[in-house]
C-alpha atoms as a PDB file:
ATOM      1  CA  MET A   1      -0.167  -0.340  -0.044  1.00  0.00           C
ATOM      2  CA  ASP A   2       2.792   2.353   0.455  1.00  0.00           C
ATOM      3  CA  ASP A   3       4.359   1.917  -3.144  1.00  0.00           C
ATOM      4  CA  TYR A   4       0.960   3.174  -4.179  1.00  0.00           C
ATOM      5  CA  VAL A   5       1.219   5.979  -2.057  1.00  0.00           C
ATOM      6  CA  SER A   6       4.532   7.201  -3.446  1.00  0.00           C
ATOM      7  CA  THR A   7       3.214   6.075  -6.652  1.00  0.00           C
ATOM      8  CA  GLY A   8       0.748   8.188  -6.549  1.00  0.00           C
ATOM      9  CA  THR A   9       2.610  11.259  -5.376  1.00  0.00           C
ATOM     10  CA  PHE A  10       4.712  11.269  -8.115  1.00  0.00           C
ATOM     11  CA  TRP A  11       1.963  11.342 -10.632  1.00  0.00           C
ATOM     12  CA  PHE A  12       0.773  14.318  -9.329  1.00  0.00           C
ATOM     13  CA  MET A  13       3.880  16.185  -8.522  1.00  0.00           C
ATOM     14  CA  VAL A  14       5.113  15.062 -12.285  1.00  0.00           C
ATOM     15  CA  ALA A  15       1.757  16.676 -13.265  1.00  0.00           C
ATOM     16  CA  LEU A  16       2.536  20.213 -11.401  1.00  0.00           C
ATOM     17  CA  ILE A  17       5.610  20.172 -13.008  1.00  0.00           C
ATOM     18  CA  ASN A  18       4.284  19.740 -16.211  1.00  0.00           C
ATOM     19  CA  ALA A  19       1.445  22.302 -15.722  1.00  0.00           C
ATOM     20  CA  GLY A  20       4.714  25.088 -14.775  1.00  0.00           C
ATOM     21  CA  LEU A  21       6.297  24.056 -17.712  1.00  0.00           C
ATOM     22  CA  ALA A  22       3.647  24.038 -20.003  1.00  0.00           C
ATOM     23  CA  GLU A  23       2.488  27.477 -18.802  1.00  0.00           C
ATOM     24  CA  GLN A  24       6.149  29.239 -19.481  1.00  0.00           C
ATOM     25  CA  LYS A  25       6.093  27.526 -22.870  1.00  0.00           C
ATOM     26  CA  ASN A  26       2.618  29.474 -23.577  1.00  0.00           C
ATOM     27  CA  ARG A  27       0.327  26.432 -23.134  1.00  0.00           C
ATOM     28  CA  SER A  28      -2.599  25.905 -21.052  1.00  0.00           C
ATOM     29  CA  ARG A  29      -1.590  25.061 -17.453  1.00  0.00           C
ATOM     30  CA  TRP A  30      -5.274  23.492 -16.884  1.00  0.00           C
ATOM     31  CA  ILE A  31      -5.500  20.975 -20.129  1.00  0.00           C
ATOM     32  CA  TRP A  32      -1.333  20.256 -19.291  1.00  0.00           C
ATOM     33  CA  PHE A  33      -2.074  19.081 -16.294  1.00  0.00           C
ATOM     34  CA  LEU A  34      -4.563  16.909 -17.017  1.00  0.00           C
ATOM     35  CA  LEU A  35      -2.941  15.181 -19.345  1.00  0.00           C
ATOM     36  CA  SER A  36      -0.225  14.707 -17.304  1.00  0.00           C
ATOM     37  CA  LEU A  37      -2.276  13.018 -15.116  1.00  0.00           C
ATOM     38  CA  LEU A  38      -3.412  10.645 -17.596  1.00  0.00           C
ATOM     39  CA  LEU A  39       0.291  10.212 -19.090  1.00  0.00           C
ATOM     40  CA  GLY A  40       2.614  10.804 -16.589  1.00  0.00           C
ATOM     41  CA  PRO A  41       6.139  11.246 -17.333  1.00  0.00           C
ATOM     42  CA  ILE A  42       5.236  10.962 -21.542  1.00  0.00           C
ATOM     43  CA  ALA A  43       3.412  14.419 -20.557  1.00  0.00           C
ATOM     44  CA  THR A  44       7.012  16.339 -19.873  1.00  0.00           C
ATOM     45  CA  ILE A  45       8.589  15.132 -23.042  1.00  0.00           C
ATOM     46  CA  LEU A  46       5.989  16.205 -25.221  1.00  0.00           C
ATOM     47  CA  ILE A  47       5.935  19.548 -23.392  1.00  0.00           C
ATOM     48  CA  VAL A  48       9.954  19.996 -23.538  1.00  0.00           C
ATOM     49  CA  VAL A  49      10.377  18.286 -27.253  1.00  0.00           C
ATOM     50  CA  ARG A  50       7.530  20.820 -28.744  1.00  0.00           C
ATOM     51  CA  ARG A  51       8.052  24.105 -29.904  1.00  0.00           C
ATOM     52  CA  ALA A  52       6.179  27.007 -28.209  1.00  0.00           C
ATOM     53  CA  PRO A  53       3.085  28.927 -30.287  1.00  0.00           C
ATOM     54  CA  GLU A  54       4.065  31.933 -31.383  1.00  0.00           C
ATOM     55  CA  PRO A  55       2.991  34.658 -29.334  1.00  0.00           C
ATOM     56  CA  VAL A  56      -0.393  36.682 -30.399  1.00  0.00           C
ATOM     57  CA  GLU A  57      -1.332  39.771 -29.308  1.00  0.00           C
ATOM     58  CA  PRO A  58      -4.787  39.876 -27.341  1.00  0.00           C
ATOM     59  CA  SER A  59      -7.421  41.681 -29.042  1.00  0.00           C
ATOM     60  CA  MET A  60      -9.847  43.619 -26.482  1.00  0.00           C
ATOM     61  CA  THR A  61     -12.952  41.474 -27.729  1.00  0.00           C
ATOM     62  CA  HIS A  62     -11.527  38.693 -26.189  1.00  0.00           C
ATOM     63  CA  ARG A  63     -11.233  40.733 -22.824  1.00  0.00           C
ATOM     64  CA  GLY A  64     -14.870  41.473 -23.219  1.00  0.00           C
ATOM     65  CA  GLY A  65     -13.879  44.768 -24.078  1.00  0.00           C
ATOM     66  CA  TRP A  66     -13.991  46.985 -27.396  1.00  0.00           C
ATOM     67  CA  LYS A  67     -16.354  46.008 -29.632  1.00  0.00           C
ATOM     68  CA  ASN A  68     -16.484  46.766 -33.377  1.00  0.00           C
ATOM     69  CA  PRO A  69     -18.308  50.101 -33.344  1.00  0.00           C
ATOM     70  CA  ASP A  70     -21.529  50.605 -35.437  1.00  0.00           C
ATOM     71  CA  PRO A  71     -19.596  52.529 -38.633  1.00  0.00           C
ATOM     72  CA  HIS A  72     -22.805  55.395 -39.159  1.00  0.00           C
ATOM     73  CA  PRO A  73     -24.229  55.677 -35.192  1.00  0.00           C
ATOM     74  CA  ARG A  74     -28.074  57.592 -35.331  1.00  0.00           C
ATOM     75  CA  SER A  75     -28.389  60.189 -32.867  1.00  0.00           C
ATOM     76  CA  LEU A  76     -31.452  60.453 -30.847  1.00  0.00           C
ATOM     77  CA  GLY A  77     -33.464  63.431 -32.696  1.00  0.00           C
ATOM     78  CA  GLU A  78     -32.299  61.849 -35.916  1.00  0.00           C
ATOM     79  CA  PRO A  79     -35.391  60.086 -38.174  1.00  0.00           C
ATOM     80  CA  MET A  80     -34.977  56.797 -39.498  1.00  0.00           C
END
């Protein structure tokens, strides 16, 4: 039973380390954490070997901010 607990602890620690590695390579921390729980050290190899994606400039619409405004806004007193 002690072997089971230490193996589970090792697997969880590998998943935590992989989450940090994935974040450094601009990848989703949660997705790689979950994949690491399934794949273990194989996920570590995948994170290290795969190239990081090109950084993309964030748009304001992803943050719930700026939306494309109406190019011809009507004032309230103007007839239709």
